[in-house]
Amino acid sequence: MTDEARPGTFDPRFRNWIAGTLILFLVSVAVGFVWLPSAQQGAGARELWTAICRAAGLPGTSDAASSPVTGQPSSTVAWTVATRELMTRGDSAKGAAIATTCGNCHGANGISADAAIPNLAGQSVASLYKQLEDYKSGKRNPAVMGVYVDPLSKDQLLDLATHFASLPNPLAGAATPSGSVDPGARNLIELGSPLRGIASCAACHGPLGFTPGAPDLRAQQRPYLEEQMQAFKAGIRHNDISEQMRSVSRALTSDEIAKLAAYYSSFAPVTR
């Protein structure tokens, strides 16, 4: 084969193809990562930018934007050894005296007759104390509860939490929901949805909606559960220390939230 017949190493067509591909790649990067996010300043642009960042393995911007104030914690409660030890020093008798007005909304025995108001009986001291402290500090919306907790000292908040934690919970022995469980809800509870970045509910709340250190969800008021998940989803509620509830709720559809609330609220009371 002569030199004239051998294909040239620097064929102009090959060089033009490489150059065209490189230019197309650079234009795509400029449009997708620079121009498009800057041209759309609404929430849609932020979500698009977050999706791009996550696809590239980078942190998105919308996660940080959901925090109420940059640089400030979501809760003033720090779960140190000292805090854990503090949870054992509450006085339920003193708490009962403080709780006389609480029964108007939460029920005399900590079981609310209003579906929009949570049951408190038998919840853990730590869970109750954190929510009371968050209401007092304003980390959780104090529009209603602030009136009651503002005058209370930290010791009184602890006594109040200890009182409600000491009340017998008629639902504590419920092992299964009273009706059939939606398959989609069961998957979210047991497995989550890894492809959507959703951790399983059981990872934090236990397979039956109860585990030490987390709120007991068994037979909690359905409208209350749904309202709180929607509040986390919208960023209205933001006192979850590691943003785990906000992250999960944002990824859930309203239908999925409703089904999860229906599941946890359906645990049947224990009858003796």
Protein backbone atom coordinates (compact mmCIF):
# COMPACT_ATOMS: atom_id res chain seq x y z
CA MET A 1 0.00 0.00 0.00
CA THR A 2 1.41 3.40 -0.99
CA ASP A 3 1.51 6.41 1.30
CA GLU A 4 -1.11 8.09 -0.86
CA ALA A 5 -3.57 5.18 -0.32
CA ARG A 6 -3.07 4.97 3.50
CA PRO A 7 -5.77 6.89 5.49
CA GLY A 8 -4.38 10.09 6.92
CA THR A 9 -3.96 10.33 10.67
CA PHE A 10 -5.18 13.96 10.67
CA ASP A 11 -8.21 13.60 8.45
CA PRO A 12 -9.91 17.07 8.38
CA ARG A 13 -13.35 15.45 8.71
CA PHE A 14 -12.33 13.68 11.94
CA ARG A 15 -10.91 16.91 13.35
CA ASN A 16 -14.09 18.81 12.48
CA TRP A 17 -16.23 16.14 14.13
CA ILE A 18 -14.23 16.34 17.38
CA ALA A 19 -14.41 20.14 17.37
CA GLY A 20 -18.16 20.14 16.73
CA THR A 21 -18.79 17.64 19.55
CA LEU A 22 -16.72 19.68 22.00
CA ILE A 23 -18.53 22.90 21.09
CA LEU A 24 -21.93 21.20 21.49
CA PHE A 25 -20.89 19.88 24.91
CA LEU A 26 -19.72 23.30 26.11
CA VAL A 27 -22.92 24.97 24.90
CA SER A 28 -25.04 22.33 26.67
CA VAL A 29 -23.14 22.87 29.93
CA ALA A 30 -23.50 26.65 29.65
CA VAL A 31 -27.24 26.41 28.99
CA GLY A 32 -28.04 23.74 31.59
CA PHE A 33 -25.78 24.88 34.43
CA VAL A 34 -25.56 28.65 33.95
CA TRP A 35 -28.15 30.30 31.72
CA LEU A 36 -31.25 28.18 32.51
CA PRO A 37 -31.01 28.41 36.35
CA SER A 38 -30.25 32.14 36.22
CA ALA A 39 -33.03 32.86 33.73
CA GLN A 40 -35.66 31.22 35.96
CA GLN A 41 -35.54 32.74 39.43
CA GLY A 42 -38.57 30.98 40.93
CA ALA A 43 -38.82 27.81 42.98
CA GLY A 44 -38.87 25.75 39.79
CA ALA A 45 -35.39 26.94 38.90
CA ARG A 46 -34.09 26.09 42.36
CA GLU A 47 -35.55 22.60 42.11
CA LEU A 48 -34.03 22.18 38.64
CA TRP A 49 -30.65 23.32 39.90
CA THR A 50 -30.91 20.98 42.88
CA ALA A 51 -31.74 18.06 40.59
CA ILE A 52 -28.72 18.87 38.39
CA CYS A 53 -26.43 19.11 41.41
CA ARG A 54 -27.68 15.86 42.89
CA ALA A 55 -27.25 14.10 39.55
CA ALA A 56 -23.64 15.29 39.54
CA GLY A 57 -23.15 14.13 43.12
CA LEU A 58 -23.09 17.66 44.56
CA PRO A 59 -25.26 19.19 47.31
CA GLY A 60 -28.23 21.19 46.04
CA THR A 61 -29.20 24.69 47.10
CA SER A 62 -32.84 24.09 48.01
CA ASP A 63 -31.90 22.05 51.09
CA ALA A 64 -30.15 25.00 52.67
CA ALA A 65 -32.91 27.37 51.55
CA SER A 66 -35.48 25.45 53.59
CA SER A 67 -33.85 26.45 56.86
CA PRO A 68 -35.65 29.33 58.62
CA VAL A 69 -32.53 31.41 59.20
CA THR A 70 -29.11 30.69 57.74
CA GLY A 71 -26.62 29.68 60.37
CA GLN A 72 -29.20 29.04 63.09
CA PRO A 73 -30.12 25.57 64.34
CA SER A 74 -33.56 24.05 63.80
CA SER A 75 -33.91 23.42 67.53
CA THR A 76 -32.29 24.68 70.72
CA VAL A 77 -32.40 21.16 72.18
CA ALA A 78 -29.07 19.32 71.93
CA TRP A 79 -29.16 15.62 72.74
CA THR A 80 -26.07 15.52 74.91
CA VAL A 81 -25.44 13.13 77.80
CA ALA A 82 -26.47 15.94 80.16
CA THR A 83 -29.77 16.41 78.31
CA ARG A 84 -30.52 12.70 78.42
CA GLU A 85 -29.82 12.68 82.14
CA LEU A 86 -32.06 15.73 82.59
CA MET A 87 -35.00 13.80 81.10
CA THR A 88 -34.99 11.54 84.16
CA ARG A 89 -35.45 14.36 86.69
CA GLY A 90 -38.97 15.54 85.88
CA ASP A 91 -41.74 15.54 88.49
CA SER A 92 -45.00 14.16 87.10
CA ALA A 93 -47.03 15.43 90.10
CA LYS A 94 -45.88 18.99 89.49
CA GLY A 95 -46.53 18.48 85.79
CA ALA A 96 -50.09 17.38 86.49
CA ALA A 97 -50.75 20.66 88.31
CA ILE A 98 -49.43 22.62 85.32
CA ALA A 99 -51.45 20.51 82.86
CA THR A 100 -54.88 21.55 84.15
CA THR A 101 -55.38 23.86 81.16
CA CYS A 102 -53.89 21.38 78.66
CA GLY A 103 -56.88 19.07 78.99
CA ASN A 104 -59.12 21.58 77.24
CA CYS A 105 -57.42 20.70 73.96
CA HIS A 106 -55.44 17.49 74.54
CA GLY A 107 -57.99 15.74 76.74
CA ALA A 108 -57.94 15.14 80.47
CA ASN A 109 -56.08 11.87 79.94
CA GLY A 110 -53.90 13.09 77.12
CA ILE A 111 -56.15 11.66 74.38
CA SER A 112 -57.61 14.44 72.28
CA ALA A 113 -61.22 14.52 71.11
CA ASP A 114 -60.22 16.92 68.31
CA ALA A 115 -58.70 15.20 65.29
CA ALA A 116 -56.49 18.22 64.55
CA ILE A 117 -54.87 18.11 68.01
CA PRO A 118 -52.35 15.39 68.88
CA ASN A 119 -52.64 12.75 71.57
CA LEU A 120 -49.94 13.16 74.22
CA ALA A 121 -50.52 10.25 76.62
CA GLY A 122 -47.61 7.83 76.77
CA GLN A 123 -45.32 9.78 74.47
CA SER A 124 -41.67 9.74 75.55
CA VAL A 125 -40.43 12.46 77.90
CA ALA A 126 -37.71 13.41 75.42
CA SER A 127 -40.13 13.79 72.51
CA LEU A 128 -42.60 15.89 74.53
CA TYR A 129 -39.90 18.04 76.11
CA LYS A 130 -38.30 18.84 72.75
CA GLN A 131 -41.59 20.00 71.22
CA LEU A 132 -42.42 22.16 74.26
CA GLU A 133 -38.95 23.69 74.21
CA ASP A 134 -39.20 24.32 70.45
CA TYR A 135 -42.53 26.10 70.94
CA LYS A 136 -41.00 28.24 73.69
CA SER A 137 -37.94 29.15 71.60
CA GLY A 138 -40.01 29.79 68.47
CA LYS A 139 -38.32 27.01 66.50
CA ARG A 140 -41.80 25.56 66.06
CA ASN A 141 -44.70 27.88 65.25
CA PRO A 142 -45.81 29.27 68.64
CA ALA A 143 -49.03 30.88 67.39
CA VAL A 144 -51.18 28.69 69.66
CA MET A 145 -48.85 26.87 72.04
CA GLY A 146 -46.65 29.88 72.71
CA VAL A 147 -49.29 31.41 74.99
CA TYR A 148 -49.09 28.40 77.30
CA VAL A 149 -45.36 27.65 77.29
CA ASP A 150 -43.91 31.16 77.38
CA PRO A 151 -44.49 31.61 81.15
CA LEU A 152 -42.99 28.19 81.97
CA SER A 153 -39.41 27.55 83.04
CA LYS A 154 -37.32 24.70 81.60
CA ASP A 155 -37.96 22.69 84.77
CA GLN A 156 -41.71 23.21 84.39
CA LEU A 157 -41.56 22.12 80.75
CA LEU A 158 -39.78 18.98 81.88
CA ASP A 159 -42.37 18.34 84.60
CA LEU A 160 -45.17 18.79 82.07
CA ALA A 161 -43.52 16.39 79.63
CA THR A 162 -42.99 13.87 82.43
CA HIS A 163 -46.67 14.07 83.40
CA PHE A 164 -48.00 13.28 79.94
CA ALA A 165 -45.38 10.58 79.43
CA SER A 166 -46.60 8.91 82.64
CA LEU A 167 -50.23 8.72 81.49
CA PRO A 168 -51.32 5.27 80.30
CA ASN A 169 -51.60 5.09 76.54
CA PRO A 170 -54.49 2.79 75.57
CA LEU A 171 -52.82 2.32 72.20
CA ALA A 172 -49.40 1.28 73.48
CA GLY A 173 -50.05 -2.43 72.95
CA ALA A 174 -51.51 -2.09 69.46
CA ALA A 175 -49.44 -4.34 67.22
CA THR A 176 -51.17 -3.96 63.87
CA PRO A 177 -53.41 -1.45 62.09
CA SER A 178 -57.10 -2.20 62.27
CA GLY A 179 -57.67 -2.29 58.51
CA SER A 180 -55.86 -3.29 55.33
CA VAL A 181 -52.63 -1.45 54.55
CA ASP A 182 -52.16 0.28 51.22
CA PRO A 183 -49.26 -1.48 49.39
CA GLY A 184 -47.66 1.83 48.47
CA ALA A 185 -47.74 3.01 52.08
CA ARG A 186 -46.29 -0.31 53.26
CA ASN A 187 -43.38 0.03 50.83
CA LEU A 188 -42.63 3.55 52.02
CA ILE A 189 -42.79 2.44 55.66
CA GLU A 190 -40.65 -0.66 55.26
CA LEU A 191 -38.34 0.18 52.34
CA GLY A 192 -38.70 3.86 51.49
CA SER A 193 -37.96 4.80 47.90
CA PRO A 194 -34.18 4.91 47.32
CA LEU A 195 -34.45 6.13 43.74
CA ARG A 196 -36.38 9.18 45.02
CA GLY A 197 -34.12 9.72 48.00
CA ILE A 198 -36.81 8.69 50.50
CA ALA A 199 -35.69 6.81 53.61
CA SER A 200 -38.10 4.31 55.12
CA CYS A 201 -40.36 5.56 57.91
CA ALA A 202 -39.28 2.54 59.97
CA ALA A 203 -35.68 3.75 59.95
CA CYS A 204 -36.58 6.47 62.47
CA HIS A 205 -40.01 5.55 63.83
CA GLY A 206 -39.64 1.78 64.00
CA PRO A 207 -41.51 -0.86 61.98
CA LEU A 208 -44.70 -0.30 64.00
CA GLY A 209 -44.46 3.47 64.40
CA PHE A 210 -42.72 3.38 67.76
CA THR A 211 -39.08 3.45 68.83
CA PRO A 212 -37.27 5.13 71.73
CA GLY A 213 -36.30 8.72 70.99
CA ALA A 214 -38.94 9.33 68.30
CA PRO A 215 -42.61 10.31 68.57
CA ASP A 216 -45.02 7.39 68.86
CA LEU A 217 -47.16 7.48 65.73
CA ARG A 218 -49.50 4.62 66.60
CA ALA A 219 -53.14 5.74 66.47
CA GLN A 220 -52.15 9.39 66.40
CA GLN A 221 -54.82 11.70 64.99
CA ARG A 222 -54.95 11.27 61.21
CA PRO A 223 -55.60 14.94 60.28
CA TYR A 224 -52.82 16.00 62.66
CA LEU A 225 -50.30 13.61 61.09
CA GLU A 226 -51.25 14.71 57.58
CA GLU A 227 -51.11 18.39 58.49
CA GLN A 228 -47.64 18.07 60.04
CA MET A 229 -46.19 16.19 57.07
CA GLN A 230 -47.60 18.83 54.74
CA ALA A 231 -46.07 21.52 56.97
CA PHE A 232 -42.67 19.81 56.73
CA LYS A 233 -43.12 19.47 52.97
CA ALA A 234 -43.84 23.20 52.58
CA GLY A 235 -41.08 24.22 54.98
CA ILE A 236 -43.61 25.80 57.35
CA ARG A 237 -42.45 23.46 60.10
CA HIS A 238 -38.69 23.20 60.41
CA ASN A 239 -37.74 21.98 63.88
CA ASP A 240 -36.44 18.60 62.72
CA ILE A 241 -32.79 18.85 63.76
CA SER A 242 -31.28 16.97 60.81
CA GLU A 243 -34.00 18.04 58.32
CA GLN A 244 -34.93 14.39 57.87
CA MET A 245 -38.68 15.03 57.94
CA ARG A 246 -38.40 17.93 55.53
CA SER A 247 -36.28 15.89 53.12
CA VAL A 248 -38.68 12.96 53.15
CA SER A 249 -41.89 15.01 53.05
CA ARG A 250 -40.71 17.13 50.12
CA ALA A 251 -40.27 13.97 48.07
CA LEU A 252 -43.69 12.55 48.96
CA THR A 253 -46.84 13.28 47.00
CA SER A 254 -49.92 14.55 48.83
CA ASP A 255 -51.60 11.19 48.15
CA GLU A 256 -48.69 9.32 49.73
CA ILE A 257 -48.80 11.60 52.77
CA ALA A 258 -52.53 10.91 53.17
CA LYS A 259 -51.96 7.15 52.95
CA LEU A 260 -49.17 7.21 55.53
CA ALA A 261 -51.32 9.25 57.91
CA ALA A 262 -54.18 6.78 57.40
CA TYR A 263 -51.89 3.86 58.20
CA TYR A 264 -50.47 5.22 61.45
CA SER A 265 -53.83 6.50 62.66
CA SER A 266 -55.50 3.13 62.12
CA PHE A 267 -53.85 1.21 64.98
CA ALA A 268 -56.71 -0.11 67.09
CA PRO A 269 -56.94 0.70 70.82
CA VAL A 270 -56.22 -2.09 73.26
CA THR A 271 -59.36 -3.54 74.83
CA ARG A 272 -59.24 -5.38 78.13
